[in-house]
Structure formats: structure tokens, C-alpha cells
Amino acid sequence: RRVVVVGAGFAGLGAASTLHRAGVDVTVL
């Protein structure tokens, strides 16, 4: 329900955008 993503390159943004669309609370550092 809550995920921390480390890094805002394409891997991090790919993960975070997918989580965000699924309604998961995600923070990118």
C-alpha cells in the first residue's frame, strides 16, 4: 500500500508511475 522508490531515472519513474496508476502511495527519493 506504500512504497519508497530510490532514484528518479527511467527505472524509478517506470516503477513509480505504475504504482501511482494502481493507487499505491509512492514516494520517490
Full PDB file with SEQRES, HELIX, SHEET, SSBOND, CRYST1, ORIGX, SCALE, CONECT and MASTER records, all heavy atoms in Angstrom:
SEQRES   1 A   29  ARG ARG VAL VAL VAL VAL GLY ALA GLY PHE ALA GLY LEU          
SEQRES   2 A   29  GLY ALA ALA SER THR LEU HIS ARG ALA GLY VAL ASP VAL          
SEQRES   3 A   29  THR VAL LEU                                                  
HELIX    1 AA1 PHE A   10  ARG A   21  1                                  12    
SHEET    1 AA1 2 ARG A   2  VAL A   5  0                                        
SHEET    2 AA1 2 ASP A  25  VAL A  28  1                                        
CRYST1    1.000    1.000    1.000  90.00  90.00  90.00 P 1           1          
ORIGX1      1.000000  0.000000  0.000000        0.00000                         
ORIGX2      0.000000  1.000000  0.000000        0.00000                         
ORIGX3      0.000000  0.000000  1.000000        0.00000                         
SCALE1      1.000000  0.000000  0.000000        0.00000                         
SCALE2      0.000000  1.000000  0.000000        0.00000                         
SCALE3      0.000000  0.000000  1.000000        0.00000                         
ATOM      1  N   ARG A   1       0.827  -1.200   0.000  1.00  0.00           N  
ATOM      2  CA  ARG A   1       0.000   0.000   0.000  1.00  0.00           C  
ATOM      3  C   ARG A   1       0.865   1.255   0.000  1.00  0.00           C  
ATOM      4  O   ARG A   1       0.412   2.320  -0.378  1.00  0.00           O  
ATOM      5  CB  ARG A   1      -0.930  -0.013   1.210  1.00  0.00           C  
ATOM      6  CG  ARG A   1      -1.857  -1.244   1.248  1.00  0.00           C  
ATOM      7  CD  ARG A   1      -2.717  -1.274   2.475  1.00  0.00           C  
ATOM      8  NE  ARG A   1      -3.650  -0.157   2.515  1.00  0.00           N  
ATOM      9  CZ  ARG A   1      -4.515   0.045   3.515  1.00  0.00           C  
ATOM     10  NH1 ARG A   1      -4.551  -0.793   4.552  1.00  0.00           N  
ATOM     11  NH2 ARG A   1      -5.326   1.098   3.474  1.00  0.00           N  
ATOM     12  N   ARG A   2       2.106   1.084   0.465  1.00  0.00           N  
ATOM     13  CA  ARG A   2       3.040   2.200   0.481  1.00  0.00           C  
ATOM     14  C   ARG A   2       4.414   1.698   0.047  1.00  0.00           C  
ATOM     15  O   ARG A   2       4.926   0.687   0.535  1.00  0.00           O  
ATOM     16  CB  ARG A   2       3.112   2.810   1.879  1.00  0.00           C  
ATOM     17  CG  ARG A   2       4.065   3.993   1.925  1.00  0.00           C  
ATOM     18  CD  ARG A   2       3.704   5.000   3.018  1.00  0.00           C  
ATOM     19  NE  ARG A   2       4.458   6.157   3.199  1.00  0.00           N  
ATOM     20  CZ  ARG A   2       5.355   6.765   2.460  1.00  0.00           C  
ATOM     21  NH1 ARG A   2       5.703   6.263   1.364  1.00  0.00           N  
ATOM     22  NH2 ARG A   2       5.909   7.876   2.779  1.00  0.00           N  
ATOM     23  N   VAL A   3       5.033   2.412  -0.924  1.00  0.00           N  
ATOM     24  CA  VAL A   3       6.317   2.007  -1.495  1.00  0.00           C  
ATOM     25  C   VAL A   3       7.239   3.216  -1.566  1.00  0.00           C  
ATOM     26  O   VAL A   3       6.811   4.321  -1.910  1.00  0.00           O  
ATOM     27  CB  VAL A   3       6.148   1.406  -2.907  1.00  0.00           C  
ATOM     28  CG1 VAL A   3       7.513   1.030  -3.507  1.00  0.00           C  
ATOM     29  CG2 VAL A   3       5.235   0.185  -2.868  1.00  0.00           C  
ATOM     30  N   VAL A   4       8.507   3.007  -1.241  1.00  0.00           N  
ATOM     31  CA  VAL A   4       9.542   4.014  -1.453  1.00  0.00           C  
ATOM     32  C   VAL A   4      10.387   3.571  -2.648  1.00  0.00           C  
ATOM     33  O   VAL A   4      10.865   2.435  -2.687  1.00  0.00           O  
ATOM     34  CB  VAL A   4      10.438   4.197  -0.213  1.00  0.00           C  
ATOM     35  CG1 VAL A   4      11.610   5.131  -0.538  1.00  0.00           C  
ATOM     36  CG2 VAL A   4       9.631   4.766   0.943  1.00  0.00           C  
ATOM     37  N   VAL A   5      10.542   4.469  -3.600  1.00  0.00           N  
ATOM     38  CA  VAL A   5      11.382   4.227  -4.765  1.00  0.00           C  
ATOM     39  C   VAL A   5      12.628   5.097  -4.634  1.00  0.00           C  
ATOM     40  O   VAL A   5      12.524   6.314  -4.428  1.00  0.00           O  
ATOM     41  CB  VAL A   5      10.639   4.549  -6.076  1.00  0.00           C  
ATOM     42  CG1 VAL A   5      11.580   4.412  -7.271  1.00  0.00           C  
ATOM     43  CG2 VAL A   5       9.427   3.643  -6.247  1.00  0.00           C  
ATOM     44  N   VAL A   6      13.794   4.490  -4.751  1.00  0.00           N  
ATOM     45  CA  VAL A   6      15.056   5.215  -4.673  1.00  0.00           C  
ATOM     46  C   VAL A   6      15.571   5.442  -6.090  1.00  0.00           C  
ATOM     47  O   VAL A   6      15.918   4.498  -6.799  1.00  0.00           O  
ATOM     48  CB  VAL A   6      16.101   4.452  -3.841  1.00  0.00           C  
ATOM     49  CG1 VAL A   6      17.406   5.247  -3.766  1.00  0.00           C  
ATOM     50  CG2 VAL A   6      15.569   4.175  -2.443  1.00  0.00           C  
ATOM     51  N   GLY A   7      15.611   6.706  -6.497  1.00  0.00           N  
ATOM     52  CA  GLY A   7      16.109   7.059  -7.812  1.00  0.00           C  
ATOM     53  C   GLY A   7      14.992   7.456  -8.763  1.00  0.00           C  
ATOM     54  O   GLY A   7      13.969   6.774  -8.855  1.00  0.00           O  
ATOM     55  N   ALA A   8      15.202   8.573  -9.487  1.00  0.00           N  
ATOM     56  CA  ALA A   8      14.192   9.088 -10.413  1.00  0.00           C  
ATOM     57  C   ALA A   8      14.680   9.060 -11.850  1.00  0.00           C  
ATOM     58  O   ALA A   8      14.395   9.962 -12.637  1.00  0.00           O  
ATOM     59  CB  ALA A   8      13.778  10.517 -10.023  1.00  0.00           C  
ATOM     60  N   GLY A   9      15.443   7.994 -12.189  1.00  0.00           N  
ATOM     61  CA  GLY A   9      15.737   7.735 -13.577  1.00  0.00           C  
ATOM     62  C   GLY A   9      14.581   6.978 -14.211  1.00  0.00           C  
ATOM     63  O   GLY A   9      13.477   6.914 -13.659  1.00  0.00           O  
ATOM     64  N   PHE A  10      14.823   6.373 -15.359  1.00  0.00           N  
ATOM     65  CA  PHE A  10      13.727   5.689 -16.035  1.00  0.00           C  
ATOM     66  C   PHE A  10      13.240   4.467 -15.263  1.00  0.00           C  
ATOM     67  O   PHE A  10      12.055   4.140 -15.286  1.00  0.00           O  
ATOM     68  CB  PHE A  10      14.121   5.308 -17.460  1.00  0.00           C  
ATOM     69  CG  PHE A  10      13.776   6.368 -18.462  1.00  0.00           C  
ATOM     70  CD1 PHE A  10      14.760   7.104 -19.071  1.00  0.00           C  
ATOM     71  CD2 PHE A  10      12.457   6.623 -18.785  1.00  0.00           C  
ATOM     72  CE1 PHE A  10      14.444   8.099 -19.986  1.00  0.00           C  
ATOM     73  CE2 PHE A  10      12.128   7.612 -19.703  1.00  0.00           C  
ATOM     74  CZ  PHE A  10      13.127   8.356 -20.306  1.00  0.00           C  
ATOM     75  N   ALA A  11      14.124   3.765 -14.562  1.00  0.00           N  
ATOM     76  CA  ALA A  11      13.685   2.637 -13.753  1.00  0.00           C  
ATOM     77  C   ALA A  11      12.784   3.115 -12.621  1.00  0.00           C  
ATOM     78  O   ALA A  11      11.705   2.562 -12.385  1.00  0.00           O  
ATOM     79  CB  ALA A  11      14.885   1.869 -13.206  1.00  0.00           C  
ATOM     80  N   GLY A  12      13.239   4.149 -11.904  1.00  0.00           N  
ATOM     81  CA  GLY A  12      12.452   4.670 -10.799  1.00  0.00           C  
ATOM     82  C   GLY A  12      11.127   5.263 -11.229  1.00  0.00           C  
ATOM     83  O   GLY A  12      10.089   5.037 -10.605  1.00  0.00           O  
ATOM     84  N   LEU A  13      11.132   6.026 -12.322  1.00  0.00           N  
ATOM     85  CA  LEU A  13       9.886   6.633 -12.803  1.00  0.00           C  
ATOM     86  C   LEU A  13       8.960   5.580 -13.399  1.00  0.00           C  
ATOM     87  O   LEU A  13       7.735   5.695 -13.283  1.00  0.00           O  
ATOM     88  CB  LEU A  13      10.195   7.715 -13.836  1.00  0.00           C  
ATOM     89  CG  LEU A  13      10.947   8.940 -13.306  1.00  0.00           C  
ATOM     90  CD1 LEU A  13      11.186   9.947 -14.424  1.00  0.00           C  
ATOM     91  CD2 LEU A  13      10.196   9.607 -12.154  1.00  0.00           C  
ATOM     92  N   GLY A  14       9.525   4.556 -14.039  1.00  0.00           N  
ATOM     93  CA  GLY A  14       8.692   3.467 -14.535  1.00  0.00           C  
ATOM     94  C   GLY A  14       7.972   2.764 -13.394  1.00  0.00           C  
ATOM     95  O   GLY A  14       6.776   2.461 -13.482  1.00  0.00           O  
ATOM     96  N   ALA A  15       8.714   2.520 -12.293  1.00  0.00           N  
ATOM     97  CA  ALA A  15       8.116   1.894 -11.125  1.00  0.00           C  
ATOM     98  C   ALA A  15       7.079   2.806 -10.481  1.00  0.00           C  
ATOM     99  O   ALA A  15       5.943   2.395 -10.207  1.00  0.00           O  
ATOM    100  CB  ALA A  15       9.205   1.536 -10.116  1.00  0.00           C  
ATOM    101  N   ALA A  16       7.456   4.054 -10.233  1.00  0.00           N  
ATOM    102  CA  ALA A  16       6.580   4.970  -9.510  1.00  0.00           C  
ATOM    103  C   ALA A  16       5.307   5.286 -10.286  1.00  0.00           C  
ATOM    104  O   ALA A  16       4.218   5.341  -9.708  1.00  0.00           O  
ATOM    105  CB  ALA A  16       7.340   6.256  -9.180  1.00  0.00           C  
ATOM    106  N   SER A  17       5.422   5.499 -11.585  1.00  0.00           N  
ATOM    107  CA  SER A  17       4.229   5.818 -12.379  1.00  0.00           C  
ATOM    108  C   SER A  17       3.280   4.634 -12.427  1.00  0.00           C  
ATOM    109  O   SER A  17       2.057   4.810 -12.383  1.00  0.00           O  
ATOM    110  CB  SER A  17       4.628   6.264 -13.788  1.00  0.00           C  
ATOM    111  OG  SER A  17       5.345   5.250 -14.473  1.00  0.00           O  
ATOM    112  N   THR A  18       3.817   3.410 -12.501  1.00  0.00           N  
ATOM    113  CA  THR A  18       2.978   2.219 -12.498  1.00  0.00           C  
ATOM    114  C   THR A  18       2.262   2.074 -11.161  1.00  0.00           C  
ATOM    115  O   THR A  18       1.065   1.773 -11.100  1.00  0.00           O  
ATOM    116  CB  THR A  18       3.821   0.965 -12.791  1.00  0.00           C  
ATOM    117  OG1 THR A  18       4.483   1.115 -14.045  1.00  0.00           O  
ATOM    118  CG2 THR A  18       2.949  -0.277 -12.827  1.00  0.00           C  
ATOM    119  N   LEU A  19       2.986   2.282 -10.066  1.00  0.00           N  
ATOM    120  CA  LEU A  19       2.389   2.211  -8.736  1.00  0.00           C  
ATOM    121  C   LEU A  19       1.328   3.290  -8.541  1.00  0.00           C  
ATOM    122  O   LEU A  19       0.251   3.026  -7.994  1.00  0.00           O  
ATOM    123  CB  LEU A  19       3.481   2.354  -7.677  1.00  0.00           C  
ATOM    124  CG  LEU A  19       4.484   1.200  -7.571  1.00  0.00           C  
ATOM    125  CD1 LEU A  19       5.699   1.626  -6.746  1.00  0.00           C  
ATOM    126  CD2 LEU A  19       3.834  -0.030  -6.953  1.00  0.00           C  
ATOM    127  N   HIS A  20       1.631   4.483  -8.987  1.00  0.00           N  
ATOM    128  CA  HIS A  20       0.701   5.607  -8.830  1.00  0.00           C  
ATOM    129  C   HIS A  20      -0.612   5.332  -9.557  1.00  0.00           C  
ATOM    130  O   HIS A  20      -1.702   5.579  -9.002  1.00  0.00           O  
ATOM    131  CB  HIS A  20       1.359   6.883  -9.357  1.00  0.00           C  
ATOM    132  CG  HIS A  20       0.507   8.103  -9.248  1.00  0.00           C  
ATOM    133  ND1 HIS A  20       0.183   8.692  -8.040  1.00  0.00           N  
ATOM    134  CD2 HIS A  20      -0.108   8.860 -10.206  1.00  0.00           C  
ATOM    135  CE1 HIS A  20      -0.575   9.743  -8.255  1.00  0.00           C  
ATOM    136  NE2 HIS A  20      -0.772   9.872  -9.559  1.00  0.00           N  
ATOM    137  N   ARG A  21      -0.523   4.803 -10.778  1.00  0.00           N  
ATOM    138  CA  ARG A  21      -1.733   4.497 -11.534  1.00  0.00           C  
ATOM    139  C   ARG A  21      -2.563   3.414 -10.857  1.00  0.00           C  
ATOM    140  O   ARG A  21      -3.781   3.376 -11.002  1.00  0.00           O  
ATOM    141  CB  ARG A  21      -1.372   4.070 -12.961  1.00  0.00           C  
ATOM    142  CG  ARG A  21      -0.849   5.184 -13.850  1.00  0.00           C  
ATOM    143  CD  ARG A  21      -0.851   4.766 -15.317  1.00  0.00           C  
ATOM    144  NE  ARG A  21      -0.063   3.572 -15.556  1.00  0.00           N  
ATOM    145  CZ  ARG A  21       1.224   3.572 -15.818  1.00  0.00           C  
ATOM    146  NH1 ARG A  21       1.893   4.720 -15.870  1.00  0.00           N  
ATOM    147  NH2 ARG A  21       1.877   2.436 -16.037  1.00  0.00           N  
ATOM    148  N   ALA A  22      -1.891   2.529 -10.087  1.00  0.00           N  
ATOM    149  CA  ALA A  22      -2.595   1.461  -9.384  1.00  0.00           C  
ATOM    150  C   ALA A  22      -3.140   1.911  -8.034  1.00  0.00           C  
ATOM    151  O   ALA A  22      -3.730   1.099  -7.309  1.00  0.00           O  
ATOM    152  CB  ALA A  22      -1.659   0.267  -9.197  1.00  0.00           C  
ATOM    153  N   GLY A  23      -2.952   3.167  -7.681  1.00  0.00           N  
ATOM    154  CA  GLY A  23      -3.470   3.689  -6.429  1.00  0.00           C  
ATOM    155  C   GLY A  23      -2.581   3.466  -5.224  1.00  0.00           C  
ATOM    156  O   GLY A  23      -3.010   3.667  -4.085  1.00  0.00           O  
ATOM    157  N   VAL A  24      -1.327   3.048  -5.455  1.00  0.00           N  
ATOM    158  CA  VAL A  24      -0.387   2.823  -4.360  1.00  0.00           C  
ATOM    159  C   VAL A  24       0.233   4.152  -3.947  1.00  0.00           C  
ATOM    160  O   VAL A  24       0.578   4.985  -4.788  1.00  0.00           O  
ATOM    161  CB  VAL A  24       0.713   1.831  -4.778  1.00  0.00           C  
ATOM    162  CG1 VAL A  24       1.731   1.646  -3.649  1.00  0.00           C  
ATOM    163  CG2 VAL A  24       0.102   0.494  -5.164  1.00  0.00           C  
ATOM    164  N   ASP A  25       0.393   4.356  -2.650  1.00  0.00           N  
ATOM    165  CA  ASP A  25       1.064   5.540  -2.118  1.00  0.00           C  
ATOM    166  C   ASP A  25       2.571   5.379  -2.338  1.00  0.00           C  
ATOM    167  O   ASP A  25       3.199   4.501  -1.741  1.00  0.00           O  
ATOM    168  CB  ASP A  25       0.751   5.681  -0.627  1.00  0.00           C  
ATOM    169  CG  ASP A  25       1.344   6.944  -0.016  1.00  0.00           C  
ATOM    170  OD1 ASP A  25       1.881   7.790  -0.767  1.00  0.00           O  
ATOM    171  OD2 ASP A  25       1.305   7.069   1.229  1.00  0.00           O  
ATOM    172  N   VAL A  26       3.160   6.203  -3.196  1.00  0.00           N  
ATOM    173  CA  VAL A  26       4.565   6.030  -3.553  1.00  0.00           C  
ATOM    174  C   VAL A  26       5.312   7.349  -3.422  1.00  0.00           C  
ATOM    175  O   VAL A  26       4.812   8.419  -3.806  1.00  0.00           O  
ATOM    176  CB  VAL A  26       4.706   5.472  -4.999  1.00  0.00           C  
ATOM    177  CG1 VAL A  26       3.998   6.352  -6.016  1.00  0.00           C  
ATOM    178  CG2 VAL A  26       6.163   5.270  -5.361  1.00  0.00           C  
ATOM    179  N   THR A  27       6.502   7.272  -2.850  1.00  0.00           N  
ATOM    180  CA  THR A  27       7.404   8.414  -2.736  1.00  0.00           C  
ATOM    181  C   THR A  27       8.705   8.064  -3.444  1.00  0.00           C  
ATOM    182  O   THR A  27       9.259   6.977  -3.241  1.00  0.00           O  
ATOM    183  CB  THR A  27       7.699   8.752  -1.270  1.00  0.00           C  
ATOM    184  OG1 THR A  27       6.487   9.107  -0.610  1.00  0.00           O  
ATOM    185  CG2 THR A  27       8.692   9.910  -1.168  1.00  0.00           C  
ATOM    186  N   VAL A  28       9.187   8.981  -4.259  1.00  0.00           N  
ATOM    187  CA  VAL A  28      10.447   8.808  -4.963  1.00  0.00           C  
ATOM    188  C   VAL A  28      11.499   9.697  -4.315  1.00  0.00           C  
ATOM    189  O   VAL A  28      11.296  10.903  -4.166  1.00  0.00           O  
ATOM    190  CB  VAL A  28      10.321   9.163  -6.461  1.00  0.00           C  
ATOM    191  CG1 VAL A  28      11.649   8.910  -7.174  1.00  0.00           C  
ATOM    192  CG2 VAL A  28       9.206   8.366  -7.113  1.00  0.00           C  
ATOM    193  N   LEU A  29      12.620   9.104  -3.926  1.00  0.00           N  
ATOM    194  CA  LEU A  29      13.739   9.845  -3.341  1.00  0.00           C  
ATOM    195  C   LEU A  29      14.868   9.910  -4.362  1.00  0.00           C  
ATOM    196  O   LEU A  29      15.394   8.880  -4.785  1.00  0.00           O  
ATOM    197  CB  LEU A  29      14.221   9.162  -2.060  1.00  0.00           C  
ATOM    198  CG  LEU A  29      13.156   8.906  -0.985  1.00  0.00           C  
ATOM    199  CD1 LEU A  29      13.778   8.198   0.217  1.00  0.00           C  
ATOM    200  CD2 LEU A  29      12.481  10.201  -0.560  1.00  0.00           C  
TER     201      LEU A  29                                                      
MASTER        0    0    0    1    2    0    0    6  200    1    0    3          
END                                                                             
